[in-house]
Amino acid sequence: MTMSPLDDIPQAARDVPLYSTESEQPSWLRRTRLLRRTLGLALLALAAGGLVAWYQTSGFSAAEFAQPFETMINRSAAETDGAAPAASDLEENRAVATQLAPSSRTLLNHRAYDEAPAEELVTLSANASIRLRSTAAAEYEAMTRAAARQGVRLVPLSGFRSQAEQEQIFFGLKAERGQDAQTRAEVSAPPGYSEHHTGYAIDIGDANQAGTNLNADFENTRAYEWLDTNAVQYGYELSFPPDNFQGVAFEPWHWRFVGDRISLETFYRE
């Protein structure tokens, strides 16, 4: 009589019934399922590590990066046991994924920004070489006229800057002044991380006190005093006030426009 292939399977394994609850299952079967689940999570962790390089150039937040891992882990659990993992397990998996995903949207305490589209930039009447986005430019012009009526002469010093221009400003002056990267970043953003790329940031001076342009003494001018009181009415705010959370040196001359939805999202969206 020919032996059935099933006879190659141990009797204990062949006779295991379909148990309705995990507590009714024999210990060897529970251990087997636990091993399968552990190996599955280990493979997911390895996959997360392999995605780090991709994440660094994608611009996703850590929370967005972690989301696919929660989905995969939920699906894996559902396929094996028919139940989702506990909330504590999800939090642990999210924490691991977040640690594996370094933040590519900040560098030396500066946030990354895309360059403003050329077609959205317009020149300023006081200096045709300085450009801002049209909405920011219109409000700057209105602000300048309002200040002039009170005897304050605002002067634009710098507006939109490309990444190539910022590269020269950052690395050129860094070498000239013998600064390390961290020190340089306290007074100038690395290329790709400057608010000037957005077309919403502008450096402002006092036409009556040109010697204070782009230095801390601008804080003591009438122009700064006027801006500190009135700029908010035109949608402008200081980018780097004293003791700002980014650790960037106080720049009384550097202002950014946050007066519409797009500009607000540019600077405040997490």
Protein backbone atom coordinates (compact mmCIF):
# COMPACT_ATOMS: atom_id res chain seq x y z
CA MET A 1 0.00 0.00 0.00
CA THR A 2 1.38 3.38 -1.03
CA MET A 3 1.90 5.75 1.90
CA SER A 4 0.05 9.03 1.62
CA PRO A 5 2.28 12.12 1.45
CA LEU A 6 0.44 13.33 4.52
CA ASP A 7 2.23 10.66 6.51
CA ASP A 8 5.40 12.77 6.22
CA ILE A 9 3.69 15.38 8.39
CA PRO A 10 3.93 14.73 12.15
CA GLN A 11 0.74 13.43 13.67
CA ALA A 12 0.56 16.37 16.10
CA ALA A 13 0.53 18.82 13.26
CA ARG A 14 -2.01 16.91 11.18
CA ASP A 15 -4.47 16.62 14.00
CA VAL A 16 -4.50 20.26 15.12
CA PRO A 17 -8.11 21.46 15.00
CA LEU A 18 -9.23 24.94 13.96
CA TYR A 19 -9.22 26.77 17.28
CA SER A 20 -11.58 29.69 17.75
CA THR A 21 -9.43 31.60 20.23
CA GLU A 22 -5.69 32.07 20.66
CA SER A 23 -5.83 30.81 24.24
CA GLU A 24 -7.03 27.42 22.98
CA GLN A 25 -4.10 27.01 20.59
CA PRO A 26 -1.15 24.81 21.61
CA SER A 27 1.95 26.68 22.73
CA TRP A 28 4.07 25.58 19.73
CA LEU A 29 1.54 27.13 17.32
CA ARG A 30 1.42 30.41 19.25
CA ARG A 31 5.24 30.52 19.19
CA THR A 32 5.25 29.94 15.44
CA ARG A 33 2.86 32.84 14.83
CA LEU A 34 4.84 35.10 17.15
CA LEU A 35 8.02 34.23 15.22
CA ARG A 36 6.33 35.03 11.91
CA ARG A 37 5.12 38.38 13.23
CA THR A 38 8.56 39.27 14.67
CA LEU A 39 10.31 38.42 11.40
CA GLY A 40 7.77 40.49 9.47
CA LEU A 41 8.34 43.57 11.63
CA ALA A 42 12.12 43.13 11.33
CA LEU A 43 11.82 43.13 7.54
CA LEU A 44 9.70 46.30 7.71
CA ALA A 45 12.40 48.00 9.82
CA LEU A 46 15.07 47.05 7.26
CA ALA A 47 12.89 48.44 4.49
CA ALA A 48 12.55 51.71 6.43
CA GLY A 49 16.32 52.02 6.64
CA GLY A 50 16.61 51.53 2.90
CA LEU A 51 14.15 54.39 2.28
CA VAL A 52 16.09 56.99 4.29
CA ALA A 53 18.15 58.21 1.31
CA TRP A 54 14.97 58.66 -0.74
CA TYR A 55 13.24 60.51 2.09
CA GLN A 56 16.09 63.03 2.46
CA THR A 57 15.31 64.52 -0.94
CA SER A 58 11.53 64.09 -0.89
CA GLY A 59 10.55 66.87 1.51
CA PHE A 60 8.02 64.78 3.44
CA SER A 61 7.52 65.36 7.13
CA ALA A 62 8.43 62.71 9.67
CA ALA A 63 4.74 62.05 10.32
CA GLU A 64 4.09 61.53 6.60
CA PHE A 65 7.11 59.23 6.40
CA ALA A 66 5.85 57.10 9.28
CA GLN A 67 2.31 56.72 7.93
CA PRO A 68 3.04 53.95 5.37
CA PHE A 69 4.64 51.84 8.09
CA GLU A 70 1.48 51.99 10.20
CA THR A 71 -0.54 50.89 7.16
CA MET A 72 1.77 47.97 6.39
CA ILE A 73 1.88 46.86 10.01
CA ASN A 74 -1.91 46.99 10.30
CA ARG A 75 -2.25 44.96 7.10
CA SER A 76 0.33 42.41 8.25
CA ALA A 77 -1.45 41.93 11.56
CA ALA A 78 -4.83 41.58 9.88
CA GLU A 79 -3.50 38.91 7.52
CA THR A 80 -1.89 36.87 10.30
CA ASP A 81 -4.22 37.16 13.28
CA GLY A 82 -7.23 39.04 11.97
CA ALA A 83 -6.72 41.83 14.52
CA ALA A 84 -4.95 45.19 14.47
CA PRO A 85 -1.95 45.73 16.77
CA ALA A 86 -2.37 47.57 20.03
CA ALA A 87 -2.08 51.36 20.11
CA SER A 88 1.20 51.09 22.05
CA ASP A 89 2.66 48.96 19.24
CA LEU A 90 1.66 51.56 16.65
CA GLU A 91 3.30 54.33 18.65
CA GLU A 92 6.48 52.30 18.98
CA ASN A 93 6.57 51.62 15.23
CA ARG A 94 5.94 55.28 14.44
CA ALA A 95 8.79 56.29 16.74
CA VAL A 96 11.18 53.90 15.01
CA ALA A 97 10.19 55.13 11.56
CA THR A 98 10.58 58.75 12.62
CA GLN A 99 14.06 58.08 14.00
CA LEU A 100 15.05 56.39 10.76
CA ALA A 101 13.88 59.43 8.76
CA PRO A 102 16.19 62.42 9.33
CA SER A 103 14.69 65.85 8.70
CA SER A 104 15.72 66.98 5.23
CA ARG A 105 13.71 70.20 5.47
CA THR A 106 16.07 71.97 7.85
CA LEU A 107 19.79 72.66 7.76
CA LEU A 108 21.76 74.52 10.43
CA ASN A 109 18.43 75.75 11.89
CA HIS A 110 17.19 77.11 8.56
CA ARG A 111 14.17 75.76 6.69
CA ALA A 112 14.27 74.71 3.04
CA TYR A 113 12.43 76.86 0.50
CA ASP A 114 11.72 76.55 -3.19
CA GLU A 115 12.54 79.38 -5.56
CA ALA A 116 9.67 81.64 -6.55
CA PRO A 117 8.54 81.18 -10.17
CA ALA A 118 10.10 83.92 -12.34
CA GLU A 119 6.71 84.89 -13.76
CA GLU A 120 5.43 85.79 -10.29
CA LEU A 121 8.24 88.26 -9.55
CA VAL A 122 7.99 92.01 -10.19
CA THR A 123 10.51 94.81 -9.76
CA LEU A 124 10.28 97.51 -7.10
CA SER A 125 9.90 101.13 -8.16
CA ALA A 126 12.80 102.31 -5.99
CA ASN A 127 15.24 99.75 -7.41
CA ALA A 128 14.54 97.76 -10.58
CA SER A 129 17.18 95.16 -9.66
CA ILE A 130 15.17 94.07 -6.61
CA ARG A 131 12.21 91.76 -7.17
CA LEU A 132 9.44 90.39 -4.98
CA ARG A 133 6.31 88.38 -5.62
CA SER A 134 3.58 90.66 -6.89
CA THR A 135 1.48 90.59 -3.72
CA ALA A 136 4.48 91.25 -1.47
CA ALA A 137 5.73 94.00 -3.81
CA ALA A 138 2.38 95.81 -3.86
CA GLU A 139 2.19 95.86 -0.07
CA TYR A 140 5.82 96.95 0.24
CA GLU A 141 5.17 99.89 -2.09
CA ALA A 142 2.11 100.88 -0.06
CA MET A 143 4.12 100.58 3.16
CA THR A 144 6.89 102.77 1.75
CA ARG A 145 4.42 105.50 0.78
CA ALA A 146 2.81 105.42 4.21
CA ALA A 147 6.20 105.73 5.92
CA ALA A 148 7.21 108.62 3.66
CA ARG A 149 4.12 110.57 4.68
CA GLN A 150 5.52 110.45 8.23
CA GLY A 151 9.02 111.47 7.17
CA VAL A 152 10.50 107.96 7.22
CA ARG A 153 12.39 106.88 4.09
CA LEU A 154 12.46 103.11 3.69
CA VAL A 155 14.89 101.73 1.13
CA PRO A 156 14.91 98.17 -0.28
CA LEU A 157 18.31 96.47 -0.05
CA SER A 158 17.66 92.91 -1.22
CA GLY A 159 14.65 90.89 -2.32
CA PHE A 160 14.42 87.65 -4.25
CA ARG A 161 17.67 85.69 -4.47
CA SER A 162 18.30 82.50 -6.44
CA GLN A 163 20.03 79.52 -4.89
CA ALA A 164 23.12 80.29 -7.00
CA GLU A 165 23.27 83.83 -5.61
CA GLN A 166 22.80 82.53 -2.07
CA GLU A 167 25.58 80.02 -2.59
CA GLN A 168 28.06 82.83 -3.27
CA ILE A 169 26.81 84.86 -0.31
CA PHE A 170 27.05 81.90 2.06
CA PHE A 171 30.23 80.17 0.96
CA GLY A 172 32.09 83.19 -0.43
CA LEU A 173 31.76 85.29 2.71
CA LYS A 174 32.22 82.20 4.89
CA ALA A 175 35.67 81.67 3.37
CA GLU A 176 36.51 85.38 3.33
CA ARG A 177 35.68 85.76 7.02
CA GLY A 178 37.11 82.41 8.11
CA GLN A 179 33.81 81.26 9.61
CA ASP A 180 32.76 77.70 10.26
CA ALA A 181 29.40 76.57 8.86
CA GLN A 182 27.52 76.91 12.16
CA THR A 183 28.77 80.46 12.75
CA ARG A 184 28.02 81.48 9.18
CA ALA A 185 24.49 80.07 9.45
CA GLU A 186 23.79 82.39 12.38
CA VAL A 187 23.87 85.36 10.00
CA SER A 188 23.17 83.83 6.57
CA ALA A 189 21.14 80.87 5.35
CA PRO A 190 22.77 78.11 3.29
CA PRO A 191 21.73 77.98 -0.39
CA GLY A 192 18.32 76.36 -0.70
CA TYR A 193 17.39 77.44 2.84
CA SER A 194 17.00 81.21 2.52
CA GLU A 195 13.68 83.01 2.84
CA HIS A 196 14.85 85.21 -0.03
CA HIS A 197 14.27 82.26 -2.39
CA THR A 198 10.53 82.58 -1.81
CA GLY A 199 10.18 86.11 -3.19
CA TYR A 200 8.43 87.13 0.03
CA ALA A 201 11.47 88.31 2.03
CA ILE A 202 13.10 91.72 1.83
CA ASP A 203 15.97 93.50 3.56
CA ILE A 204 15.06 97.09 4.40
CA GLY A 205 17.26 100.07 5.26
CA ASP A 206 16.86 103.68 6.33
CA ALA A 207 17.68 106.10 3.50
CA ASN A 208 18.53 108.77 6.09
CA GLN A 209 21.02 106.51 7.91
CA ALA A 210 22.72 104.40 5.24
CA GLY A 211 25.52 103.44 7.62
CA THR A 212 23.11 101.19 9.53
CA ASN A 213 22.15 99.12 6.49
CA LEU A 214 22.36 95.36 7.10
CA ASN A 215 23.74 95.64 10.61
CA ALA A 216 22.40 95.58 14.14
CA ASP A 217 22.47 99.40 14.40
CA PHE A 218 19.43 99.51 12.15
CA GLU A 219 17.43 98.74 15.27
CA ASN A 220 18.12 102.31 16.45
CA THR A 221 16.80 104.06 13.33
CA ARG A 222 13.46 105.75 12.75
CA ALA A 223 12.86 103.31 9.90
CA TYR A 224 13.04 100.31 12.22
CA GLU A 225 10.90 102.04 14.84
CA TRP A 226 8.27 102.76 12.21
CA LEU A 227 8.36 99.20 10.83
CA ASP A 228 8.14 97.70 14.30
CA THR A 229 4.88 99.57 14.83
CA ASN A 230 3.32 99.57 11.37
CA ALA A 231 4.67 96.74 9.19
CA VAL A 232 2.02 94.31 10.43
CA GLN A 233 -0.66 96.45 8.77
CA TYR A 234 0.91 95.59 5.41
CA GLY A 235 1.39 91.89 6.08
CA TYR A 236 5.08 92.10 7.02
CA GLU A 237 6.82 90.69 10.09
CA LEU A 238 10.36 90.27 11.37
CA SER A 239 11.82 86.93 10.30
CA PHE A 240 14.45 86.74 13.03
CA PRO A 241 13.50 88.73 16.13
CA PRO A 242 15.70 88.70 19.24
CA ASP A 243 16.10 85.22 20.81
CA ASN A 244 14.20 83.52 17.99
CA PHE A 245 13.69 79.76 18.27
CA GLN A 246 15.90 79.05 15.23
CA GLY A 247 18.97 80.45 16.93
CA VAL A 248 19.60 82.90 14.08
CA ALA A 249 21.12 86.27 15.03
CA PHE A 250 18.64 89.14 15.40
CA GLU A 251 18.22 90.81 11.99
CA PRO A 252 16.23 94.02 12.38
CA TRP A 253 16.48 94.67 8.61
CA HIS A 254 15.07 91.31 7.44
CA TRP A 255 11.28 91.24 6.97
CA ARG A 256 8.96 88.75 5.32
CA PHE A 257 5.49 89.05 3.85
CA VAL A 258 2.84 86.77 5.35
CA GLY A 259 -0.20 88.71 4.19
CA ASP A 260 -1.91 86.07 2.05
CA ARG A 261 -2.63 82.36 2.24
CA ILE A 262 0.30 81.16 0.13
CA SER A 263 2.89 83.27 1.93
CA LEU A 264 1.51 82.27 5.34
CA GLU A 265 1.66 78.58 4.42
CA THR A 266 5.19 79.04 3.07
CA PHE A 267 6.57 80.10 6.44
CA TYR A 268 4.25 78.47 8.96
CA ARG A 269 3.16 75.12 7.57
CA GLU A 270 4.81 72.23 9.43
